Amino acid sequence: MDQYLEATEYIDWHHPAVFEKAQLLSAGGLNKTEIARRSFEFVRDRIKHSWDYRLEPVTCRASEVLEHGTGYCYAKSHLLAALLRANGIAAGLCYQRLSLHDGGPPYCLHGLNAIWLPDHGWYRVDPRGNKPGVDAQFSPPDEHLAFTISERLEADLPEIWPEPLPVVIRALTTHKTVAEVCQNLPDIELVGFGSETITF
């Protein structure tokens, strides 16, 4: 589990502001599941989704997301992973491949998290932020993600990554505005799908 606890360039939980926020979220001697719930709800509700609110700047590192209070789904998942790891809770990054227009191309990746909970094992949550038609919740063992897979070229990618995918980092670091990111959302090609494990 060590790789899911590390501080890295983009999940920079050693940053003083991130560590301080993590300590505030764990105040009161809560168990790990309750710390995870608090952390998830903070990122979901208090960090604004960049495109929903049309907020600049484009953020990527967890510390940037916390500082500016905004991020795309990927960036918000970086912050949640950092807050959890700072409290000794193993956390990774997961992705879905979704249609941007409720069916058919174009497709893009959507970022979310997996959290290791003592009573449940790996549990996925989606901190992108709720809005009409989107209702992501923390209610283990049941998953309540923002989006469900509804067609054959959409996918729940099964991997739990300790670090963001390079294609995600490129999208968030090479484009200067939220609108540019929206026009260049990261995607991957599905190598296998249907009843087989999805890889890329």
N, C-alpha and C. Protein backbone atom coordinates (compact mmCIF):
# COMPACT_ATOMS: atom_id res chain seq x y z
N MET A 1 0.82 -1.22 0.00
CA MET A 1 0.00 0.00 0.00
C MET A 1 0.85 1.28 0.00
N ASP A 2 2.16 1.12 0.15
CA ASP A 2 3.00 2.31 0.32
C ASP A 2 2.84 3.32 -0.82
N GLN A 3 2.69 2.82 -2.05
CA GLN A 3 2.60 3.74 -3.18
C GLN A 3 1.33 4.59 -3.13
N TYR A 4 0.33 4.13 -2.42
CA TYR A 4 -0.94 4.87 -2.30
C TYR A 4 -0.94 5.81 -1.09
N LEU A 5 0.22 5.93 -0.46
CA LEU A 5 0.37 6.84 0.68
C LEU A 5 1.44 7.92 0.42
N GLU A 6 2.14 7.80 -0.70
CA GLU A 6 3.27 8.68 -0.95
C GLU A 6 2.85 10.10 -1.31
N ALA A 7 3.70 11.05 -0.95
CA ALA A 7 3.60 12.41 -1.46
C ALA A 7 4.37 12.48 -2.77
N THR A 8 3.75 13.04 -3.80
CA THR A 8 4.36 13.10 -5.12
C THR A 8 4.24 14.52 -5.66
N GLU A 9 4.71 14.70 -6.88
CA GLU A 9 4.68 16.05 -7.46
C GLU A 9 3.27 16.61 -7.53
N TYR A 10 2.32 15.79 -7.87
CA TYR A 10 0.95 16.29 -8.07
C TYR A 10 0.03 15.96 -6.90
N ILE A 11 0.36 14.93 -6.15
CA ILE A 11 -0.38 14.62 -4.91
C ILE A 11 0.54 15.03 -3.76
N ASP A 12 0.71 16.34 -3.63
CA ASP A 12 1.76 16.91 -2.77
C ASP A 12 1.24 17.18 -1.35
N TRP A 13 0.96 16.10 -0.65
CA TRP A 13 0.36 16.28 0.67
C TRP A 13 1.34 16.81 1.70
N HIS A 14 2.62 16.82 1.40
CA HIS A 14 3.60 17.44 2.30
C HIS A 14 3.53 18.97 2.25
N HIS A 15 2.84 19.53 1.27
CA HIS A 15 2.70 20.99 1.20
C HIS A 15 2.02 21.46 2.48
N PRO A 16 2.54 22.50 3.13
CA PRO A 16 1.99 22.92 4.44
C PRO A 16 0.49 23.17 4.44
N ALA A 17 -0.04 23.81 3.40
CA ALA A 17 -1.47 24.11 3.38
C ALA A 17 -2.31 22.85 3.26
N VAL A 18 -1.85 21.89 2.45
CA VAL A 18 -2.58 20.64 2.29
C VAL A 18 -2.54 19.84 3.60
N PHE A 19 -1.35 19.78 4.21
CA PHE A 19 -1.23 19.03 5.46
C PHE A 19 -2.10 19.66 6.55
N GLU A 20 -2.11 20.99 6.62
CA GLU A 20 -2.92 21.67 7.64
C GLU A 20 -4.41 21.38 7.43
N LYS A 21 -4.88 21.44 6.18
CA LYS A 21 -6.28 21.15 5.91
C LYS A 21 -6.61 19.70 6.26
N ALA A 22 -5.70 18.79 5.97
CA ALA A 22 -5.92 17.39 6.31
C ALA A 22 -6.07 17.21 7.82
N GLN A 23 -5.24 17.92 8.58
CA GLN A 23 -5.34 17.82 10.04
C GLN A 23 -6.66 18.38 10.55
N LEU A 24 -7.13 19.45 9.95
CA LEU A 24 -8.43 20.01 10.34
C LEU A 24 -9.56 19.02 10.04
N LEU A 25 -9.46 18.34 8.92
CA LEU A 25 -10.51 17.40 8.54
C LEU A 25 -10.53 16.16 9.42
N SER A 26 -9.40 15.86 10.06
CA SER A 26 -9.35 14.68 10.93
C SER A 26 -9.46 15.04 12.41
N ALA A 27 -9.71 16.29 12.72
CA ALA A 27 -9.79 16.72 14.12
C ALA A 27 -10.93 16.00 14.83
N GLY A 28 -10.68 15.65 16.08
CA GLY A 28 -11.72 15.01 16.87
C GLY A 28 -11.55 13.51 17.01
N GLY A 29 -10.44 12.99 16.55
CA GLY A 29 -10.17 11.57 16.73
C GLY A 29 -11.11 10.66 15.97
N LEU A 30 -11.51 11.05 14.78
CA LEU A 30 -12.43 10.25 13.98
C LEU A 30 -11.74 8.99 13.45
N ASN A 31 -12.54 7.96 13.14
CA ASN A 31 -11.95 6.79 12.50
C ASN A 31 -11.71 7.09 11.02
N LYS A 32 -11.01 6.18 10.34
CA LYS A 32 -10.58 6.47 8.97
C LYS A 32 -11.76 6.63 8.02
N THR A 33 -12.83 5.89 8.23
CA THR A 33 -13.99 6.03 7.35
C THR A 33 -14.61 7.42 7.49
N GLU A 34 -14.69 7.92 8.69
CA GLU A 34 -15.27 9.25 8.89
C GLU A 34 -14.34 10.35 8.38
N ILE A 35 -13.04 10.17 8.54
CA ILE A 35 -12.10 11.13 7.96
C ILE A 35 -12.25 11.13 6.44
N ALA A 36 -12.38 9.95 5.85
CA ALA A 36 -12.56 9.86 4.41
C ALA A 36 -13.84 10.55 3.98
N ARG A 37 -14.91 10.36 4.73
CA ARG A 37 -16.18 11.02 4.40
C ARG A 37 -16.03 12.54 4.46
N ARG A 38 -15.44 13.04 5.52
CA ARG A 38 -15.26 14.48 5.67
C ARG A 38 -14.42 15.05 4.52
N SER A 39 -13.35 14.34 4.20
CA SER A 39 -12.45 14.80 3.15
C SER A 39 -13.17 14.81 1.80
N PHE A 40 -13.88 13.73 1.51
CA PHE A 40 -14.65 13.66 0.26
C PHE A 40 -15.65 14.80 0.16
N GLU A 41 -16.42 15.02 1.22
CA GLU A 41 -17.45 16.06 1.17
C GLU A 41 -16.85 17.45 1.07
N PHE A 42 -15.68 17.66 1.68
CA PHE A 42 -15.01 18.95 1.53
C PHE A 42 -14.63 19.19 0.07
N VAL A 43 -13.99 18.22 -0.56
CA VAL A 43 -13.57 18.43 -1.95
C VAL A 43 -14.78 18.50 -2.87
N ARG A 44 -15.75 17.64 -2.68
CA ARG A 44 -16.96 17.67 -3.52
C ARG A 44 -17.69 19.00 -3.43
N ASP A 45 -17.84 19.52 -2.21
CA ASP A 45 -18.74 20.66 -1.99
C ASP A 45 -18.05 22.01 -1.92
N ARG A 46 -16.79 22.03 -1.50
CA ARG A 46 -16.12 23.32 -1.27
C ARG A 46 -15.15 23.70 -2.38
N ILE A 47 -14.72 22.74 -3.16
CA ILE A 47 -13.84 23.03 -4.30
C ILE A 47 -14.71 23.03 -5.55
N LYS A 48 -14.74 24.14 -6.24
CA LYS A 48 -15.66 24.29 -7.38
C LYS A 48 -15.09 23.63 -8.64
N HIS A 49 -15.95 22.95 -9.35
CA HIS A 49 -15.55 22.33 -10.61
C HIS A 49 -15.28 23.42 -11.65
N SER A 50 -14.11 23.37 -12.26
CA SER A 50 -13.66 24.45 -13.13
C SER A 50 -14.65 24.78 -14.24
N TRP A 51 -15.21 23.76 -14.88
CA TRP A 51 -16.09 24.04 -16.01
C TRP A 51 -17.49 24.42 -15.55
N ASP A 52 -17.97 23.82 -14.47
CA ASP A 52 -19.29 24.19 -13.96
C ASP A 52 -19.35 25.68 -13.63
N TYR A 53 -18.25 26.20 -13.07
CA TYR A 53 -18.23 27.59 -12.61
C TYR A 53 -17.41 28.51 -13.51
N ARG A 54 -16.79 27.95 -14.56
CA ARG A 54 -15.95 28.73 -15.48
C ARG A 54 -14.89 29.51 -14.72
N LEU A 55 -14.19 28.81 -13.83
CA LEU A 55 -13.21 29.47 -12.95
C LEU A 55 -11.79 29.17 -13.42
N GLU A 56 -10.98 30.20 -13.47
CA GLU A 56 -9.55 30.08 -13.70
C GLU A 56 -8.85 30.18 -12.33
N PRO A 57 -7.60 29.73 -12.25
CA PRO A 57 -6.76 29.16 -13.30
C PRO A 57 -6.98 27.66 -13.44
N VAL A 58 -6.33 27.07 -14.44
CA VAL A 58 -6.29 25.61 -14.55
C VAL A 58 -5.35 25.09 -13.47
N THR A 59 -5.84 24.19 -12.64
CA THR A 59 -5.04 23.64 -11.54
C THR A 59 -4.75 22.16 -11.79
N CYS A 60 -3.67 21.68 -11.18
CA CYS A 60 -3.30 20.27 -11.32
C CYS A 60 -2.79 19.71 -10.00
N ARG A 61 -1.76 20.34 -9.41
CA ARG A 61 -1.25 19.87 -8.12
C ARG A 61 -2.32 20.05 -7.05
N ALA A 62 -2.34 19.13 -6.10
CA ALA A 62 -3.30 19.23 -5.00
C ALA A 62 -3.22 20.58 -4.29
N SER A 63 -2.01 21.06 -4.08
CA SER A 63 -1.85 22.35 -3.38
C SER A 63 -2.43 23.51 -4.19
N GLU A 64 -2.34 23.43 -5.53
CA GLU A 64 -2.94 24.47 -6.38
C GLU A 64 -4.46 24.43 -6.30
N VAL A 65 -5.01 23.24 -6.29
CA VAL A 65 -6.46 23.08 -6.21
C VAL A 65 -6.97 23.69 -4.90
N LEU A 66 -6.29 23.39 -3.80
CA LEU A 66 -6.68 23.93 -2.51
C LEU A 66 -6.52 25.45 -2.47
N GLU A 67 -5.42 25.94 -2.99
CA GLU A 67 -5.16 27.39 -2.96
C GLU A 67 -6.22 28.17 -3.72
N HIS A 68 -6.59 27.70 -4.91
CA HIS A 68 -7.50 28.45 -5.77
C HIS A 68 -8.96 28.04 -5.60
N GLY A 69 -9.19 26.92 -4.93
CA GLY A 69 -10.57 26.49 -4.68
C GLY A 69 -11.31 26.02 -5.90
N THR A 70 -10.57 25.57 -6.92
CA THR A 70 -11.21 25.13 -8.15
C THR A 70 -10.35 24.08 -8.85
N GLY A 71 -10.99 23.25 -9.65
CA GLY A 71 -10.26 22.26 -10.44
C GLY A 71 -11.21 21.43 -11.26
N TYR A 72 -10.71 20.92 -12.36
CA TYR A 72 -11.45 19.89 -13.10
C TYR A 72 -11.53 18.63 -12.24
N CYS A 73 -12.34 17.67 -12.65
CA CYS A 73 -12.51 16.44 -11.88
C CYS A 73 -11.17 15.79 -11.56
N TYR A 74 -10.25 15.79 -12.52
CA TYR A 74 -8.94 15.18 -12.30
C TYR A 74 -8.20 15.86 -11.16
N ALA A 75 -8.17 17.18 -11.21
CA ALA A 75 -7.46 17.95 -10.20
C ALA A 75 -8.11 17.79 -8.83
N LYS A 76 -9.43 17.76 -8.80
CA LYS A 76 -10.12 17.55 -7.52
C LYS A 76 -9.77 16.18 -6.95
N SER A 77 -9.62 15.18 -7.81
CA SER A 77 -9.23 13.86 -7.31
C SER A 77 -7.81 13.86 -6.78
N HIS A 78 -6.94 14.71 -7.34
CA HIS A 78 -5.58 14.83 -6.81
C HIS A 78 -5.61 15.39 -5.39
N LEU A 79 -6.46 16.41 -5.17
CA LEU A 79 -6.56 16.99 -3.84
C LEU A 79 -7.13 15.99 -2.85
N LEU A 80 -8.18 15.28 -3.22
CA LEU A 80 -8.75 14.31 -2.29
C LEU A 80 -7.72 13.24 -1.93
N ALA A 81 -6.99 12.75 -2.92
CA ALA A 81 -5.96 11.75 -2.62
C ALA A 81 -4.93 12.31 -1.64
N ALA A 82 -4.54 13.56 -1.84
CA ALA A 82 -3.54 14.18 -0.97
C ALA A 82 -4.05 14.32 0.46
N LEU A 83 -5.27 14.78 0.63
CA LEU A 83 -5.84 14.95 1.97
C LEU A 83 -5.94 13.61 2.69
N LEU A 84 -6.32 12.58 1.97
CA LEU A 84 -6.43 11.26 2.58
C LEU A 84 -5.06 10.70 2.95
N ARG A 85 -4.11 10.80 2.03
CA ARG A 85 -2.77 10.27 2.31
C ARG A 85 -2.12 10.99 3.48
N ALA A 86 -2.37 12.27 3.61
CA ALA A 86 -1.82 13.02 4.73
C ALA A 86 -2.32 12.49 6.07
N ASN A 87 -3.47 11.83 6.04
CA ASN A 87 -4.03 11.23 7.25
C ASN A 87 -3.80 9.72 7.32
N GLY A 88 -2.86 9.23 6.51
CA GLY A 88 -2.51 7.82 6.56
C GLY A 88 -3.54 6.89 5.95
N ILE A 89 -4.39 7.43 5.06
CA ILE A 89 -5.43 6.63 4.40
C ILE A 89 -4.99 6.40 2.96
N ALA A 90 -4.84 5.15 2.57
CA ALA A 90 -4.40 4.85 1.21
C ALA A 90 -5.46 5.31 0.21
N ALA A 91 -5.01 6.01 -0.82
CA ALA A 91 -5.93 6.54 -1.82
C ALA A 91 -5.27 6.52 -3.19
N GLY A 92 -6.03 6.15 -4.19
CA GLY A 92 -5.54 6.12 -5.56
C GLY A 92 -6.47 6.87 -6.49
N LEU A 93 -6.09 6.88 -7.76
CA LEU A 93 -6.84 7.57 -8.79
C LEU A 93 -7.46 6.55 -9.74
N CYS A 94 -8.70 6.78 -10.11
CA CYS A 94 -9.41 5.92 -11.05
C CYS A 94 -9.97 6.80 -12.17
N TYR A 95 -10.34 6.12 -13.25
CA TYR A 95 -10.88 6.86 -14.40
C TYR A 95 -12.04 6.09 -15.02
N GLN A 96 -12.97 6.86 -15.53
CA GLN A 96 -14.00 6.35 -16.42
C GLN A 96 -13.78 6.96 -17.81
N ARG A 97 -14.22 6.26 -18.82
CA ARG A 97 -14.28 6.84 -20.17
C ARG A 97 -15.75 7.09 -20.47
N LEU A 98 -16.09 8.35 -20.74
CA LEU A 98 -17.48 8.74 -20.90
C LEU A 98 -17.69 9.50 -22.21
N SER A 99 -18.89 9.39 -22.73
CA SER A 99 -19.29 10.21 -23.86
C SER A 99 -19.60 11.62 -23.37
N LEU A 100 -19.14 12.60 -24.11
CA LEU A 100 -19.40 13.99 -23.72
C LEU A 100 -20.84 14.41 -23.98
N HIS A 101 -21.53 13.70 -24.86
CA HIS A 101 -22.85 14.15 -25.29
C HIS A 101 -23.90 13.06 -25.16
N ASP A 102 -23.84 12.30 -24.07
CA ASP A 102 -24.87 11.29 -23.79
C ASP A 102 -25.02 10.27 -24.90
N GLY A 103 -23.90 9.86 -25.45
CA GLY A 103 -23.91 8.80 -26.45
C GLY A 103 -23.10 9.16 -27.68
N GLY A 104 -22.12 8.31 -28.01
CA GLY A 104 -21.30 8.54 -29.18
C GLY A 104 -20.16 9.49 -28.91
N PRO A 105 -19.28 9.65 -29.92
CA PRO A 105 -18.12 10.52 -29.75
C PRO A 105 -18.54 11.99 -29.69
N PRO A 106 -17.69 12.84 -29.14
CA PRO A 106 -16.37 12.53 -28.59
C PRO A 106 -16.46 11.93 -27.18
N TYR A 107 -15.38 11.26 -26.79
CA TYR A 107 -15.26 10.67 -25.46
C TYR A 107 -14.13 11.35 -24.70
N CYS A 108 -14.19 11.23 -23.39
CA CYS A 108 -13.09 11.76 -22.57
C CYS A 108 -12.97 10.93 -21.31
N LEU A 109 -11.83 11.05 -20.67
CA LEU A 109 -11.65 10.46 -19.34
C LEU A 109 -12.34 11.33 -18.30
N HIS A 110 -12.80 10.67 -17.25
CA HIS A 110 -13.34 11.35 -16.08
C HIS A 110 -12.59 10.83 -14.87
N GLY A 111 -12.13 11.73 -14.00
CA GLY A 111 -11.31 11.33 -12.87
C GLY A 111 -12.08 11.17 -11.58
N LEU A 112 -11.75 10.12 -10.82
CA LEU A 112 -12.34 9.89 -9.51
C LEU A 112 -11.31 9.18 -8.63
N ASN A 113 -11.71 8.74 -7.47
CA ASN A 113 -10.78 8.17 -6.50
C ASN A 113 -11.22 6.80 -6.04
N ALA A 114 -10.24 6.02 -5.58
CA ALA A 114 -10.49 4.81 -4.80
C ALA A 114 -9.81 5.00 -3.44
N ILE A 115 -10.52 4.66 -2.40
CA ILE A 115 -10.05 4.82 -1.02
C ILE A 115 -10.05 3.45 -0.35
N TRP A 116 -8.97 3.14 0.36
CA TRP A 116 -8.93 1.88 1.11
C TRP A 116 -9.57 2.11 2.48
N LEU A 117 -10.74 1.52 2.69
CA LEU A 117 -11.45 1.64 3.96
C LEU A 117 -11.32 0.33 4.73
N PRO A 118 -10.99 0.40 6.01
CA PRO A 118 -10.71 -0.82 6.77
C PRO A 118 -11.83 -1.86 6.72
N ASP A 119 -13.07 -1.43 6.70
CA ASP A 119 -14.20 -2.37 6.74
C ASP A 119 -14.71 -2.77 5.37
N HIS A 120 -14.19 -2.14 4.31
CA HIS A 120 -14.78 -2.36 3.00
C HIS A 120 -13.77 -2.64 1.89
N GLY A 121 -12.49 -2.41 2.12
CA GLY A 121 -11.51 -2.52 1.06
C GLY A 121 -11.55 -1.30 0.16
N TRP A 122 -11.17 -1.48 -1.11
CA TRP A 122 -11.17 -0.36 -2.04
C TRP A 122 -12.59 0.09 -2.33
N TYR A 123 -12.79 1.39 -2.21
CA TYR A 123 -14.13 1.97 -2.39
C TYR A 123 -14.00 3.23 -3.25
N ARG A 124 -14.73 3.28 -4.36
CA ARG A 124 -14.62 4.42 -5.28
C ARG A 124 -15.59 5.54 -4.90
N VAL A 125 -15.09 6.75 -5.01
CA VAL A 125 -15.91 7.95 -4.79
C VAL A 125 -15.61 8.95 -5.90
N ASP A 126 -16.54 9.85 -6.12
CA ASP A 126 -16.40 10.84 -7.18
C ASP A 126 -16.60 12.24 -6.61
N PRO A 127 -15.48 13.00 -6.42
CA PRO A 127 -15.59 14.32 -5.79
C PRO A 127 -15.80 15.46 -6.78
N ARG A 128 -16.24 15.21 -8.02
CA ARG A 128 -16.31 16.25 -9.05
C ARG A 128 -17.24 17.41 -8.67
N GLY A 129 -18.22 17.16 -7.81
CA GLY A 129 -19.15 18.21 -7.41
C GLY A 129 -20.53 17.94 -7.97
N ASN A 130 -21.54 18.03 -7.11
CA ASN A 130 -22.90 17.74 -7.53
C ASN A 130 -23.55 18.94 -8.20
N LYS A 131 -24.56 18.65 -9.00
CA LYS A 131 -25.36 19.65 -9.69
C LYS A 131 -26.62 18.94 -10.16
N PRO A 132 -27.59 19.62 -10.74
CA PRO A 132 -28.77 18.89 -11.23
C PRO A 132 -28.38 17.75 -12.16
N GLY A 133 -28.87 16.54 -11.82
CA GLY A 133 -28.54 15.36 -12.60
C GLY A 133 -27.30 14.64 -12.16
N VAL A 134 -26.54 15.20 -11.21
CA VAL A 134 -25.32 14.58 -10.69
C VAL A 134 -25.43 14.53 -9.17
N ASP A 135 -25.36 13.32 -8.61
CA ASP A 135 -25.54 13.16 -7.17
C ASP A 135 -24.58 12.10 -6.65
N ALA A 136 -23.32 12.47 -6.51
CA ALA A 136 -22.30 11.56 -5.99
C ALA A 136 -22.32 11.61 -4.47
N GLN A 137 -22.27 10.45 -3.84
CA GLN A 137 -22.36 10.36 -2.39
C GLN A 137 -21.30 9.41 -1.83
N PHE A 138 -21.06 9.53 -0.54
CA PHE A 138 -20.17 8.64 0.20
C PHE A 138 -21.07 7.76 1.06
N SER A 139 -21.26 6.49 0.66
CA SER A 139 -22.16 5.61 1.42
C SER A 139 -21.69 4.16 1.30
N PRO A 140 -20.47 3.88 1.81
CA PRO A 140 -19.96 2.51 1.70
C PRO A 140 -20.87 1.52 2.41
N PRO A 141 -20.98 0.31 1.88
CA PRO A 141 -20.20 -0.25 0.76
C PRO A 141 -20.77 0.08 -0.63
N ASP A 142 -21.89 0.79 -0.69
CA ASP A 142 -22.51 1.07 -1.98
C ASP A 142 -21.83 2.27 -2.65
N GLU A 143 -21.55 2.14 -3.94
CA GLU A 143 -20.99 3.24 -4.71
C GLU A 143 -22.11 4.12 -5.27
N HIS A 144 -21.92 5.43 -5.13
CA HIS A 144 -22.84 6.40 -5.73
C HIS A 144 -21.99 7.42 -6.47
N LEU A 145 -21.58 7.05 -7.69
CA LEU A 145 -20.72 7.91 -8.49
C LEU A 145 -21.55 8.93 -9.26
N ALA A 146 -20.86 9.91 -9.83
CA ALA A 146 -21.55 10.96 -10.57
C ALA A 146 -22.16 10.43 -11.86
N PHE A 147 -21.49 9.47 -12.50
CA PHE A 147 -21.91 9.01 -13.82
C PHE A 147 -21.91 7.49 -13.89
N THR A 148 -22.83 6.94 -14.67
CA THR A 148 -22.88 5.50 -14.90
C THR A 148 -22.54 5.22 -16.36
N ILE A 149 -22.03 4.03 -16.59
CA ILE A 149 -21.66 3.61 -17.95
C ILE A 149 -22.93 3.18 -18.68
N SER A 150 -23.14 3.74 -19.87
CA SER A 150 -24.41 3.48 -20.56
C SER A 150 -24.26 3.00 -22.00
N GLU A 151 -23.04 2.92 -22.52
CA GLU A 151 -22.88 2.41 -23.88
C GLU A 151 -21.52 1.73 -24.03
N ARG A 152 -21.35 1.01 -25.16
CA ARG A 152 -20.24 0.05 -25.28
C ARG A 152 -18.87 0.69 -25.34
N LEU A 153 -18.75 1.94 -25.75
CA LEU A 153 -17.44 2.59 -25.80
C LEU A 153 -17.18 3.48 -24.58
N GLU A 154 -18.11 3.46 -23.64
CA GLU A 154 -17.82 4.01 -22.32
C GLU A 154 -17.27 2.88 -21.45
N ALA A 155 -16.58 3.22 -20.38
CA ALA A 155 -15.97 2.16 -19.57
C ALA A 155 -15.62 2.66 -18.19
N ASP A 156 -15.76 1.76 -17.21
CA ASP A 156 -15.13 1.91 -15.91
C ASP A 156 -13.76 1.26 -16.02
N LEU A 157 -12.71 2.04 -16.07
CA LEU A 157 -11.37 1.46 -16.15
C LEU A 157 -11.02 0.85 -14.79
N PRO A 158 -10.55 -0.38 -14.75
CA PRO A 158 -10.43 -1.09 -13.48
C PRO A 158 -9.21 -0.73 -12.65
N GLU A 159 -8.22 -0.07 -13.25
CA GLU A 159 -6.97 0.19 -12.53
C GLU A 159 -7.16 1.22 -11.42
N ILE A 160 -6.38 1.07 -10.38
CA ILE A 160 -6.26 2.09 -9.33
C ILE A 160 -4.82 2.59 -9.39
N TRP A 161 -4.65 3.82 -9.80
CA TRP A 161 -3.34 4.37 -10.08
C TRP A 161 -2.82 5.17 -8.89
N PRO A 162 -1.55 5.00 -8.53
CA PRO A 162 -0.97 5.82 -7.46
C PRO A 162 -0.65 7.24 -7.91
N GLU A 163 -0.51 7.43 -9.24
CA GLU A 163 -0.17 8.73 -9.81
C GLU A 163 -1.15 9.06 -10.93
N PRO A 164 -1.37 10.33 -11.24
CA PRO A 164 -2.22 10.68 -12.37
C PRO A 164 -1.65 10.14 -13.68
N LEU A 165 -2.54 9.81 -14.61
CA LEU A 165 -2.09 9.37 -15.93
C LEU A 165 -1.38 10.52 -16.66
N PRO A 166 -0.32 10.22 -17.41
CA PRO A 166 0.38 11.29 -18.15
C PRO A 166 -0.53 12.09 -19.06
N VAL A 167 -1.52 11.46 -19.68
CA VAL A 167 -2.41 12.20 -20.58
C VAL A 167 -3.23 13.23 -19.81
N VAL A 168 -3.53 12.94 -18.56
CA VAL A 168 -4.25 13.90 -17.71
C VAL A 168 -3.34 15.07 -17.34
N ILE A 169 -2.12 14.75 -16.94
CA ILE A 169 -1.17 15.80 -16.60
C ILE A 169 -0.94 16.73 -17.78
N ARG A 170 -0.79 16.16 -18.97
CA ARG A 170 -0.58 16.99 -20.16
C ARG A 170 -1.76 17.94 -20.38
N ALA A 171 -2.96 17.43 -20.24
CA ALA A 171 -4.14 18.27 -20.47
C ALA A 171 -4.19 19.45 -19.49
N LEU A 172 -3.78 19.20 -18.25
CA LEU A 172 -3.89 20.24 -17.22
C LEU A 172 -2.69 21.17 -17.15
N THR A 173 -1.59 20.80 -17.78
CA THR A 173 -0.39 21.63 -17.68
C THR A 173 0.01 22.30 -18.98
N THR A 174 -0.54 21.86 -20.10
CA THR A 174 -0.15 22.48 -21.37
C THR A 174 -1.19 23.46 -21.90
N HIS A 175 -2.38 23.44 -21.31
CA HIS A 175 -3.43 24.37 -21.73
C HIS A 175 -3.60 25.44 -20.65
N LYS A 176 -3.71 26.68 -21.10
CA LYS A 176 -3.62 27.81 -20.18
C LYS A 176 -4.95 28.25 -19.59
N THR A 177 -6.06 27.90 -20.23
CA THR A 177 -7.36 28.35 -19.74
C THR A 177 -8.29 27.15 -19.58
N VAL A 178 -9.32 27.35 -18.78
CA VAL A 178 -10.32 26.31 -18.56
C VAL A 178 -11.00 25.95 -19.88
N ALA A 179 -11.24 26.94 -20.73
CA ALA A 179 -11.87 26.67 -22.03
C ALA A 179 -10.96 25.82 -22.92
N GLU A 180 -9.65 26.07 -22.89
CA GLU A 180 -8.73 25.27 -23.69
C GLU A 180 -8.71 23.82 -23.22
N VAL A 181 -8.75 23.62 -21.92
CA VAL A 181 -8.81 22.24 -21.40
C VAL A 181 -10.08 21.57 -21.89
N CYS A 182 -11.20 22.29 -21.84
CA CYS A 182 -12.47 21.71 -22.27
C CYS A 182 -12.43 21.27 -23.72
N GLN A 183 -11.69 21.99 -24.55
CA GLN A 183 -11.56 21.64 -25.97
C GLN A 183 -10.54 20.52 -26.21
N ASN A 184 -9.79 20.16 -25.16
CA ASN A 184 -8.72 19.17 -25.31
C ASN A 184 -8.74 18.18 -24.14
N LEU A 185 -9.92 17.72 -23.77
CA LEU A 185 -10.02 16.80 -22.64
C LEU A 185 -9.30 15.49 -22.96
N PRO A 186 -8.64 14.92 -21.97
CA PRO A 186 -7.88 13.69 -22.22
C PRO A 186 -8.79 12.51 -22.52
N ASP A 187 -8.29 11.62 -23.36
CA ASP A 187 -9.02 10.41 -23.71
C ASP A 187 -8.00 9.29 -23.93
N ILE A 188 -8.47 8.08 -23.94
CA ILE A 188 -7.64 6.91 -24.23
C ILE A 188 -8.42 6.01 -25.19
N GLU A 189 -7.70 5.14 -25.85
CA GLU A 189 -8.33 4.16 -26.73
C GLU A 189 -8.54 2.87 -25.96
N LEU A 190 -9.74 2.33 -26.02
CA LEU A 190 -10.02 1.06 -25.37
C LEU A 190 -9.44 -0.07 -26.21
N VAL A 191 -8.62 -0.88 -25.58
CA VAL A 191 -7.99 -2.00 -26.28
C VAL A 191 -8.86 -3.23 -26.20
N GLY A 192 -9.57 -3.39 -25.08
CA GLY A 192 -10.49 -4.51 -24.93
C GLY A 192 -11.70 -4.04 -24.15
N PHE A 193 -12.85 -4.57 -24.46
CA PHE A 193 -14.05 -4.17 -23.73
C PHE A 193 -15.06 -5.29 -23.81
N GLY A 194 -16.26 -5.03 -23.33
CA GLY A 194 -17.27 -6.07 -23.24
C GLY A 194 -17.05 -6.88 -21.97
N SER A 195 -16.98 -8.20 -22.10
CA SER A 195 -16.82 -9.04 -20.92
C SER A 195 -15.38 -9.15 -20.47
N GLU A 196 -14.43 -8.62 -21.27
CA GLU A 196 -13.02 -8.73 -20.93
C GLU A 196 -12.57 -7.54 -20.08
N THR A 197 -11.48 -7.71 -19.39
CA THR A 197 -10.88 -6.62 -18.64
C THR A 197 -10.44 -5.53 -19.60
N ILE A 198 -10.70 -4.30 -19.23
CA ILE A 198 -10.34 -3.18 -20.09
C ILE A 198 -8.91 -2.77 -19.79
N THR A 199 -8.11 -2.66 -20.84
CA THR A 199 -6.75 -2.16 -20.69
C THR A 199 -6.51 -1.12 -21.76
N PHE A 200 -5.42 -0.38 -21.59
CA PHE A 200 -5.11 0.66 -22.59
C PHE A 200 -3.63 0.92 -22.59
